[in-house]
């Protein structure tokens, strides 16, 4: 059996933030892997926190940061055509208008695991997509980095 970060993460598809004043304990635990408090709100951006989980479980390198762009310094850079489902992390720009490039780590971003690509879109499995763990498509033009982490 080949257990990968992707195979662990996909088990959590559908986990979502709790509405109202309650917080999801699993999301809070993921945030704690970034050094945040276990009583942190599930309303703060948690895509990077969710990604910490499968890498932590498999004792693989991880960013240990809640910042999505922190993953640009983990693993080895590869081209999108070399990406495979399993150990490939995709870091995206987030926001509208001009965004800084990958050399700027202290800027908005989004991060998840590569789930495939079609045409000009890349699919990623990530947390905090519509307040849940899900697979979503993003324009390839938003890619800041593709990293293989093993």
N, C-alpha and C. Protein backbone atom coordinates (compact mmCIF):
# COMPACT_ATOMS: atom_id res chain seq x y z
N UNK A 1 0.84 -1.17 0.00
CA UNK A 1 0.00 0.00 0.00
C UNK A 1 0.89 1.24 0.00
N UNK A 2 0.56 2.20 -0.85
CA UNK A 2 1.32 3.44 -0.95
C UNK A 2 0.50 4.57 -0.34
N UNK A 3 0.86 4.97 0.88
CA UNK A 3 0.17 6.07 1.55
C UNK A 3 0.91 7.36 1.21
N UNK A 4 0.16 8.33 0.71
CA UNK A 4 0.73 9.62 0.32
C UNK A 4 0.00 10.75 1.05
N UNK A 5 0.57 11.95 1.04
CA UNK A 5 -0.17 13.07 1.60
C UNK A 5 -1.56 13.22 0.95
N UNK A 6 -1.64 12.99 -0.36
CA UNK A 6 -2.92 13.11 -1.05
C UNK A 6 -3.91 12.07 -0.54
N UNK A 7 -3.47 10.82 -0.38
CA UNK A 7 -4.40 9.77 0.06
C UNK A 7 -4.92 10.03 1.47
N UNK A 8 -4.10 10.65 2.31
CA UNK A 8 -4.57 11.02 3.65
C UNK A 8 -5.54 12.20 3.55
N UNK A 9 -5.15 13.24 2.81
CA UNK A 9 -5.96 14.46 2.72
C UNK A 9 -7.34 14.19 2.12
N UNK A 10 -7.44 13.31 1.14
CA UNK A 10 -8.74 13.10 0.50
C UNK A 10 -9.75 12.47 1.45
N UNK A 11 -9.30 11.85 2.50
CA UNK A 11 -10.22 11.29 3.50
C UNK A 11 -11.00 12.38 4.22
N UNK A 12 -10.51 13.61 4.15
CA UNK A 12 -11.13 14.73 4.87
C UNK A 12 -12.01 15.60 3.98
N UNK A 13 -12.19 15.22 2.71
CA UNK A 13 -13.08 15.99 1.84
C UNK A 13 -14.45 16.09 2.50
N UNK A 14 -14.96 17.29 2.56
CA UNK A 14 -16.26 17.54 3.18
C UNK A 14 -16.16 18.12 4.58
N UNK A 15 -15.01 17.99 5.24
CA UNK A 15 -14.85 18.64 6.55
C UNK A 15 -14.97 20.13 6.33
N UNK A 16 -15.80 20.78 7.14
CA UNK A 16 -16.02 22.21 6.94
C UNK A 16 -16.09 22.96 8.27
N UNK A 17 -15.89 24.26 8.16
CA UNK A 17 -16.00 25.12 9.33
C UNK A 17 -17.40 24.99 9.92
N UNK A 18 -17.49 25.10 11.23
CA UNK A 18 -18.79 25.15 11.89
C UNK A 18 -19.36 26.56 11.76
N UNK A 19 -20.66 26.65 11.57
CA UNK A 19 -21.33 27.95 11.52
C UNK A 19 -21.50 28.50 12.92
N UNK A 20 -21.60 29.80 13.02
CA UNK A 20 -21.85 30.43 14.32
C UNK A 20 -20.60 30.53 15.16
N UNK A 21 -20.78 30.49 16.46
CA UNK A 21 -19.68 30.70 17.39
C UNK A 21 -18.83 29.48 17.69
N UNK A 22 -19.17 28.33 17.12
CA UNK A 22 -18.38 27.12 17.38
C UNK A 22 -17.26 26.99 16.35
N UNK A 23 -16.21 26.27 16.71
CA UNK A 23 -15.07 26.04 15.81
C UNK A 23 -14.84 24.55 15.66
N UNK A 24 -14.44 24.14 14.47
CA UNK A 24 -14.22 22.71 14.21
C UNK A 24 -12.92 22.28 14.88
N UNK A 25 -12.98 21.27 15.77
CA UNK A 25 -11.77 20.86 16.50
C UNK A 25 -10.66 20.31 15.60
N UNK A 26 -11.00 19.67 14.49
CA UNK A 26 -9.95 19.18 13.59
C UNK A 26 -9.20 20.35 12.96
N UNK A 27 -9.94 21.38 12.52
CA UNK A 27 -9.28 22.55 11.93
C UNK A 27 -8.42 23.23 12.98
N UNK A 28 -8.90 23.32 14.21
CA UNK A 28 -8.11 23.90 15.29
C UNK A 28 -6.83 23.10 15.53
N UNK A 29 -6.92 21.78 15.47
CA UNK A 29 -5.72 20.95 15.65
C UNK A 29 -4.73 21.21 14.52
N UNK A 30 -5.23 21.31 13.29
CA UNK A 30 -4.35 21.62 12.15
C UNK A 30 -3.66 22.97 12.38
N UNK A 31 -4.40 23.95 12.85
CA UNK A 31 -3.80 25.26 13.13
C UNK A 31 -2.71 25.15 14.20
N UNK A 32 -2.89 24.23 15.15
CA UNK A 32 -1.87 24.05 16.19
C UNK A 32 -0.56 23.51 15.61
N UNK A 33 -0.63 22.82 14.47
CA UNK A 33 0.58 22.33 13.81
C UNK A 33 1.41 23.48 13.24
N UNK A 34 0.81 24.66 13.18
CA UNK A 34 1.50 25.87 12.72
C UNK A 34 1.94 26.74 13.89
N UNK A 35 1.77 26.24 15.10
CA UNK A 35 2.15 26.99 16.29
C UNK A 35 1.06 27.90 16.82
N UNK A 36 -0.14 27.82 16.25
CA UNK A 36 -1.26 28.61 16.74
C UNK A 36 -1.96 27.87 17.88
N UNK A 37 -2.76 28.57 18.62
CA UNK A 37 -3.46 28.00 19.76
C UNK A 37 -4.50 26.97 19.32
N UNK A 38 -4.71 25.97 20.16
CA UNK A 38 -5.74 24.96 19.86
C UNK A 38 -7.15 25.53 20.00
N UNK A 39 -7.27 26.75 20.49
CA UNK A 39 -8.60 27.37 20.52
C UNK A 39 -8.71 28.49 19.49
N UNK A 40 -7.86 28.44 18.44
CA UNK A 40 -7.95 29.40 17.34
C UNK A 40 -9.26 29.21 16.60
N UNK A 41 -9.75 30.28 16.03
CA UNK A 41 -11.00 30.23 15.27
C UNK A 41 -10.81 29.54 13.93
N UNK A 42 -11.82 28.76 13.52
CA UNK A 42 -11.75 28.13 12.20
C UNK A 42 -12.10 29.13 11.10
N UNK A 43 -12.28 30.38 11.46
CA UNK A 43 -12.57 31.43 10.49
C UNK A 43 -11.30 32.03 9.89
N UNK A 44 -10.13 31.80 10.51
CA UNK A 44 -8.90 32.34 9.93
C UNK A 44 -8.49 31.43 8.77
N UNK A 45 -7.75 31.96 7.80
CA UNK A 45 -7.34 31.13 6.66
C UNK A 45 -6.59 29.88 7.14
N UNK A 46 -7.04 28.70 6.66
CA UNK A 46 -6.46 27.46 7.18
C UNK A 46 -6.01 26.49 6.09
N UNK A 47 -5.81 26.97 4.87
CA UNK A 47 -5.36 26.06 3.81
C UNK A 47 -3.99 25.47 4.13
N UNK A 48 -3.05 26.30 4.57
CA UNK A 48 -1.72 25.80 4.91
C UNK A 48 -1.77 24.91 6.14
N UNK A 49 -2.60 25.28 7.11
CA UNK A 49 -2.74 24.46 8.32
C UNK A 49 -3.25 23.06 7.97
N UNK A 50 -4.24 22.98 7.08
CA UNK A 50 -4.75 21.67 6.68
C UNK A 50 -3.65 20.85 6.01
N UNK A 51 -2.84 21.49 5.18
CA UNK A 51 -1.79 20.77 4.47
C UNK A 51 -0.71 20.25 5.42
N UNK A 52 -0.53 20.90 6.56
CA UNK A 52 0.45 20.41 7.54
C UNK A 52 0.11 18.98 7.96
N UNK A 53 -1.20 18.71 8.09
CA UNK A 53 -1.65 17.43 8.65
C UNK A 53 -1.08 16.20 7.95
N UNK A 54 -1.30 16.01 6.63
CA UNK A 54 -0.79 14.76 6.03
C UNK A 54 0.74 14.66 6.04
N UNK A 55 1.41 15.80 5.91
CA UNK A 55 2.88 15.77 5.94
C UNK A 55 3.38 15.46 7.35
N UNK A 56 2.70 15.96 8.35
CA UNK A 56 3.01 15.65 9.74
C UNK A 56 2.82 14.15 10.00
N UNK A 57 1.69 13.61 9.58
CA UNK A 57 1.39 12.19 9.81
C UNK A 57 2.43 11.28 9.16
N UNK A 58 2.93 11.67 8.00
CA UNK A 58 3.91 10.85 7.27
C UNK A 58 5.36 11.22 7.60
N UNK A 59 5.52 12.17 8.53
CA UNK A 59 6.86 12.61 8.94
C UNK A 59 7.69 13.11 7.76
N UNK A 60 7.02 13.86 6.89
CA UNK A 60 7.67 14.46 5.74
C UNK A 60 7.93 15.94 6.03
N UNK A 61 8.84 16.55 5.29
CA UNK A 61 9.07 17.99 5.50
C UNK A 61 7.78 18.77 5.31
N UNK A 62 7.60 19.82 6.12
CA UNK A 62 6.43 20.68 6.03
C UNK A 62 6.84 22.08 6.44
N UNK A 63 6.02 23.06 6.14
CA UNK A 63 6.41 24.45 6.39
C UNK A 63 6.25 24.87 7.84
N UNK A 64 5.36 24.23 8.59
CA UNK A 64 5.07 24.58 9.98
C UNK A 64 4.59 26.02 10.13
N UNK A 65 3.98 26.57 9.07
CA UNK A 65 3.49 27.94 9.05
C UNK A 65 2.06 27.96 8.52
N UNK A 66 1.27 28.91 8.99
CA UNK A 66 -0.09 29.09 8.48
C UNK A 66 -0.12 29.89 7.18
N UNK A 67 1.03 30.39 6.74
CA UNK A 67 1.11 31.17 5.51
C UNK A 67 1.22 30.24 4.30
N UNK A 68 0.33 30.38 3.35
CA UNK A 68 0.33 29.51 2.16
C UNK A 68 1.65 29.56 1.41
N UNK A 69 2.20 30.75 1.26
CA UNK A 69 3.45 30.88 0.48
C UNK A 69 4.65 30.27 1.19
N UNK A 70 4.52 29.92 2.46
CA UNK A 70 5.63 29.29 3.18
C UNK A 70 6.03 27.96 2.53
N UNK A 71 5.10 27.33 1.81
CA UNK A 71 5.38 26.06 1.15
C UNK A 71 6.30 26.23 -0.05
N UNK A 72 6.54 27.46 -0.49
CA UNK A 72 7.47 27.69 -1.60
C UNK A 72 8.90 27.35 -1.23
N UNK A 73 9.19 27.20 0.04
CA UNK A 73 10.54 26.85 0.49
C UNK A 73 10.69 25.39 0.88
N UNK A 74 9.68 24.57 0.64
CA UNK A 74 9.71 23.16 1.04
C UNK A 74 9.77 22.28 -0.20
N UNK A 75 10.53 21.22 -0.13
CA UNK A 75 10.63 20.28 -1.26
C UNK A 75 11.46 20.84 -2.40
N UNK A 76 11.26 20.25 -3.57
CA UNK A 76 12.01 20.69 -4.76
C UNK A 76 11.03 21.25 -5.79
N UNK A 77 11.43 22.34 -6.46
CA UNK A 77 10.56 22.91 -7.48
C UNK A 77 10.53 21.99 -8.72
N UNK A 78 9.34 21.84 -9.28
CA UNK A 78 9.17 21.08 -10.52
C UNK A 78 8.23 21.86 -11.44
N UNK A 79 8.16 21.45 -12.67
CA UNK A 79 7.22 22.03 -13.63
C UNK A 79 5.87 21.34 -13.46
N UNK A 80 4.79 22.02 -13.83
CA UNK A 80 3.46 21.45 -13.71
C UNK A 80 3.34 20.13 -14.49
N UNK A 81 3.99 20.02 -15.63
CA UNK A 81 3.90 18.79 -16.42
C UNK A 81 4.55 17.60 -15.72
N UNK A 82 5.37 17.86 -14.70
CA UNK A 82 6.00 16.79 -13.92
C UNK A 82 5.19 16.42 -12.67
N UNK A 83 4.13 17.16 -12.41
CA UNK A 83 3.33 16.94 -11.20
C UNK A 83 2.61 15.60 -11.25
N UNK A 84 2.54 14.95 -10.11
CA UNK A 84 1.79 13.70 -9.98
C UNK A 84 0.93 13.79 -8.72
N UNK A 85 -0.17 13.09 -8.74
CA UNK A 85 -1.03 13.03 -7.56
C UNK A 85 -0.29 12.23 -6.49
N UNK A 86 -0.18 12.79 -5.33
CA UNK A 86 0.48 12.08 -4.24
C UNK A 86 1.29 13.00 -3.35
N UNK A 87 2.40 13.50 -3.89
CA UNK A 87 3.35 14.31 -3.10
C UNK A 87 3.57 15.71 -3.68
N UNK A 88 2.73 16.17 -4.59
CA UNK A 88 2.95 17.46 -5.24
C UNK A 88 2.08 18.54 -4.62
N UNK A 89 2.72 19.63 -4.23
CA UNK A 89 2.04 20.78 -3.63
C UNK A 89 2.01 21.91 -4.65
N UNK A 90 0.86 22.58 -4.75
CA UNK A 90 0.68 23.72 -5.64
C UNK A 90 0.46 24.96 -4.78
N UNK A 91 1.23 26.01 -5.03
CA UNK A 91 1.05 27.29 -4.33
C UNK A 91 0.51 28.29 -5.34
N UNK A 92 -0.57 28.96 -4.96
CA UNK A 92 -1.26 29.89 -5.85
C UNK A 92 -1.25 31.32 -5.31
N UNK A 93 -1.37 32.28 -6.23
CA UNK A 93 -1.63 33.66 -5.85
C UNK A 93 -3.07 33.73 -5.35
N UNK A 94 -3.34 34.67 -4.46
CA UNK A 94 -4.71 34.89 -3.98
C UNK A 94 -5.00 36.38 -4.01
N UNK A 95 -6.19 36.71 -4.42
CA UNK A 95 -6.60 38.11 -4.47
C UNK A 95 -6.77 38.58 -5.89
N UNK A 96 -7.21 39.82 -6.01
CA UNK A 96 -7.43 40.41 -7.33
C UNK A 96 -6.32 41.39 -7.64
N UNK A 97 -6.22 41.74 -8.89
CA UNK A 97 -5.21 42.70 -9.31
C UNK A 97 -3.82 42.09 -9.33
N UNK A 98 -2.84 42.96 -9.46
CA UNK A 98 -1.45 42.52 -9.49
C UNK A 98 -1.06 41.89 -8.15
N UNK A 99 -0.42 40.75 -8.21
CA UNK A 99 0.07 40.05 -7.02
C UNK A 99 1.58 39.87 -7.16
N UNK A 100 2.30 39.91 -6.04
CA UNK A 100 3.74 39.68 -6.12
C UNK A 100 4.06 38.25 -6.54
N UNK A 101 5.25 38.06 -7.03
CA UNK A 101 5.69 36.74 -7.47
C UNK A 101 6.12 35.86 -6.32
N UNK A 102 6.69 34.68 -6.64
CA UNK A 102 7.06 33.71 -5.61
C UNK A 102 8.20 34.16 -4.71
N UNK A 103 8.93 35.17 -5.12
CA UNK A 103 10.02 35.66 -4.27
C UNK A 103 9.50 36.37 -3.03
N UNK A 104 8.23 36.76 -3.02
CA UNK A 104 7.62 37.44 -1.88
C UNK A 104 6.80 36.41 -1.11
N UNK A 105 7.28 36.06 0.07
CA UNK A 105 6.61 35.03 0.88
C UNK A 105 5.54 35.63 1.79
N UNK A 106 5.67 36.92 2.12
CA UNK A 106 4.73 37.56 3.03
C UNK A 106 3.64 38.27 2.22
N UNK A 107 2.83 37.48 1.53
CA UNK A 107 1.75 38.01 0.70
C UNK A 107 0.65 36.95 0.66
N UNK A 108 -0.56 37.33 0.26
CA UNK A 108 -1.64 36.35 0.21
C UNK A 108 -1.34 35.21 -0.76
N UNK A 109 -1.85 34.04 -0.41
CA UNK A 109 -1.68 32.87 -1.26
C UNK A 109 -2.69 31.81 -0.90
N UNK A 110 -2.65 30.73 -1.62
CA UNK A 110 -3.48 29.56 -1.35
C UNK A 110 -2.62 28.35 -1.67
N UNK A 111 -2.79 27.26 -0.94
CA UNK A 111 -1.94 26.09 -1.14
C UNK A 111 -2.77 24.82 -0.99
N UNK A 112 -2.40 23.83 -1.78
CA UNK A 112 -3.07 22.54 -1.70
C UNK A 112 -2.27 21.48 -2.44
N UNK A 113 -2.85 20.31 -2.52
CA UNK A 113 -2.21 19.17 -3.19
C UNK A 113 -2.72 19.05 -4.62
N UNK A 114 -1.81 18.79 -5.51
CA UNK A 114 -2.14 18.61 -6.93
C UNK A 114 -3.11 17.45 -7.09
N UNK A 115 -4.21 17.70 -7.81
CA UNK A 115 -5.22 16.67 -8.08
C UNK A 115 -5.43 16.44 -9.57
N UNK A 116 -4.71 17.17 -10.42
CA UNK A 116 -4.82 17.02 -11.86
C UNK A 116 -4.86 18.37 -12.55
N UNK A 117 -4.86 18.35 -13.87
CA UNK A 117 -5.01 19.59 -14.62
C UNK A 117 -5.69 19.30 -15.94
N UNK A 118 -6.34 20.31 -16.45
CA UNK A 118 -7.08 20.19 -17.71
C UNK A 118 -7.08 21.56 -18.36
N UNK A 119 -6.66 21.61 -19.61
CA UNK A 119 -6.60 22.90 -20.31
C UNK A 119 -5.76 23.88 -19.55
N UNK A 120 -6.33 25.03 -19.25
CA UNK A 120 -5.61 26.09 -18.55
C UNK A 120 -5.90 26.10 -17.05
N UNK A 121 -6.42 24.98 -16.52
CA UNK A 121 -6.78 24.91 -15.11
C UNK A 121 -6.04 23.79 -14.40
N UNK A 122 -5.75 24.04 -13.12
CA UNK A 122 -5.16 23.02 -12.26
C UNK A 122 -6.15 22.73 -11.14
N UNK A 123 -6.29 21.46 -10.80
CA UNK A 123 -7.18 21.05 -9.71
C UNK A 123 -6.35 20.81 -8.47
N UNK A 124 -6.81 21.36 -7.34
CA UNK A 124 -6.09 21.10 -6.10
C UNK A 124 -7.07 20.66 -5.01
N UNK A 125 -6.58 19.75 -4.18
CA UNK A 125 -7.27 19.30 -2.98
C UNK A 125 -6.71 20.13 -1.84
N UNK A 126 -7.58 20.89 -1.18
CA UNK A 126 -7.10 21.81 -0.15
C UNK A 126 -8.18 22.08 0.87
N UNK A 127 -7.75 22.62 1.99
CA UNK A 127 -8.66 23.12 3.00
C UNK A 127 -9.00 24.56 2.71
N UNK A 128 -10.08 25.03 3.32
CA UNK A 128 -10.53 26.41 3.21
C UNK A 128 -10.90 26.80 1.79
N UNK A 129 -11.44 25.88 1.06
CA UNK A 129 -12.00 26.16 -0.27
C UNK A 129 -13.52 26.13 -0.09
N UNK A 130 -14.14 27.31 -0.06
CA UNK A 130 -15.56 27.37 0.27
C UNK A 130 -15.80 26.95 1.71
N UNK A 131 -14.84 27.27 2.59
CA UNK A 131 -14.89 26.94 4.02
C UNK A 131 -14.86 25.44 4.29
N UNK A 132 -14.34 24.66 3.36
CA UNK A 132 -14.31 23.20 3.51
C UNK A 132 -13.08 22.62 2.85
N UNK A 133 -12.84 21.34 3.12
CA UNK A 133 -11.84 20.58 2.38
C UNK A 133 -12.53 20.10 1.11
N UNK A 134 -11.94 20.42 -0.04
CA UNK A 134 -12.57 20.06 -1.31
C UNK A 134 -11.51 20.05 -2.42
N UNK A 135 -11.95 19.64 -3.60
CA UNK A 135 -11.13 19.76 -4.80
C UNK A 135 -11.74 20.89 -5.62
N UNK A 136 -10.90 21.83 -6.03
CA UNK A 136 -11.36 22.97 -6.82
C UNK A 136 -10.37 23.25 -7.95
N UNK A 137 -10.87 23.89 -9.01
CA UNK A 137 -10.05 24.25 -10.17
C UNK A 137 -9.66 25.72 -10.11
N UNK A 138 -8.41 25.99 -10.51
CA UNK A 138 -7.89 27.35 -10.53
C UNK A 138 -7.15 27.57 -11.84
N UNK A 139 -7.17 28.79 -12.38
CA UNK A 139 -6.40 29.08 -13.59
C UNK A 139 -4.91 28.84 -13.34
N UNK A 140 -4.26 28.22 -14.30
CA UNK A 140 -2.82 27.99 -14.17
C UNK A 140 -2.05 29.29 -14.03
N UNK A 141 -2.61 30.39 -14.50
CA UNK A 141 -1.93 31.69 -14.39
C UNK A 141 -1.75 32.12 -12.94
N UNK A 142 -2.46 31.51 -12.01
CA UNK A 142 -2.33 31.84 -10.59
C UNK A 142 -1.22 31.05 -9.89
N UNK A 143 -0.62 30.08 -10.58
CA UNK A 143 0.41 29.23 -9.95
C UNK A 143 1.67 30.05 -9.66
N UNK A 144 2.10 29.99 -8.40
CA UNK A 144 3.37 30.58 -7.98
C UNK A 144 4.47 29.54 -7.93
N UNK A 145 4.10 28.31 -7.61
CA UNK A 145 5.11 27.27 -7.50
C UNK A 145 4.48 25.89 -7.45
N UNK A 146 5.23 24.94 -7.96
CA UNK A 146 4.86 23.51 -7.91
C UNK A 146 6.03 22.83 -7.23
N UNK A 147 5.75 22.11 -6.13
CA UNK A 147 6.80 21.53 -5.32
C UNK A 147 6.55 20.04 -5.11
N UNK A 148 7.59 19.23 -5.26
CA UNK A 148 7.51 17.81 -4.91
C UNK A 148 8.15 17.65 -3.54
N UNK A 149 7.39 17.03 -2.64
CA UNK A 149 7.86 16.86 -1.26
C UNK A 149 7.76 15.38 -0.90
N UNK A 150 8.91 14.75 -0.73
CA UNK A 150 8.95 13.32 -0.39
C UNK A 150 9.93 13.09 0.74
